[in-house]
Amino acid sequence: MKSLPETLPDETNALQKMVLDYQSTVDQLQEKLKWYEEQFCLFQHQRFGASSEKCPDQMELFNEAESILDSLKQDDSDLEETISYQRKKPGRKPLSKHIPREVVRYELPEAERVCECGHALHEAGEDKSEQLEIIPAQIKVIEHVQVKYGCRACEIGIISAPKPAQPIPRSFASASLLAYIIVAKFMDSLPLYRQETIFKRLSIDLSRATLSNWMLKVAELLMPFYDRLHEPAHPAENSSG
C-alpha cells in the first residue's frame, strides 16, 4: 500500500484542486455539524421543557434583524461589484385579498372644501395605501347553562337539558383551547412552560402540570385516528379498476 505522500499528484494545479475540494468538504461537514447541534438543542428543550434556555449561539436570536439586514447589504454589495448596471428592486407584494379589510376614509370637512378662488372643490380621485394590523388572541368564557324542568303536578323528578359532549369531562378546556395548545407546541415549537407564561400575561392561571395532563388526555382521544392512519391499506383501495 502506498503512503499518503506517494498518492499526491505531482502537478501543482491538480494538487491545488485537491486541496480546494478537501476544504469544501470540510466546510460542508462543519455546516452539517452545526445544524445537528441546533437540532439536538431544540430537541432537548422540547422534550424536557427546561425553565431556562442555554444554547450555543443563542444570543444571535436577539440580533436576528440586524444579521438579516447585514446579509442583504452584503448581497447587494456583491452584485454591484459583478454587475455593471443598477437593477431596480421589485415593488412590495400586495397584501392577500383573503385577509378581511376595514376601509378608513379620510375626507375634508365641508367647510374646507372651498378653493382659494371661492369655488367648491370636487373629488378628483383617491390615494390608497395598505397597513397590516393584527389583533391579539381573543379569549372568552363560554358559560354552559343547562335549564332544569320539573312537573308541578307529580313532582317526580327534575329533567335537565343535555349539554354537548366535551373533549375532557369536568374540565374547562374547550376544543379550540386544546387545539391552540397543541399547534403552539408541535407546530410553533412553543414548550409548555412558555405557554404557561403567555397565559399568565392574559390573567389565566394554567400550570405546566395542567397543560401536560390535557396533552395526555387529547393523545388518548386521538389514538383511534392514529391507529386508523397506520392500518394497512385494503387491497380494494389500491386497485386501479
Foldseek 3Di string as FASTA:
>chain_A
DDDPVVPQDPDPVSNVVVVVVVVVVVVVVVVVVVVVQVVVLLVVCLVPVDPDRDGPPPVVVVCVVVVVVVVVVVVVVVCVVVDVDDDDDDDDDDDDPPDDDDDDDDDDPQVPQADPVGHGHDDDDDDDDDDDDDDPDDDDADDDDWDWDADPPPRPDIDTDDDDDALDPPDRDGPVNLVVLVCCCPVVVQHLSNVCVVVVVVVHHDDSVNNVVSVVSVCVVCVVVVVVVPDDDDPVVPDPD
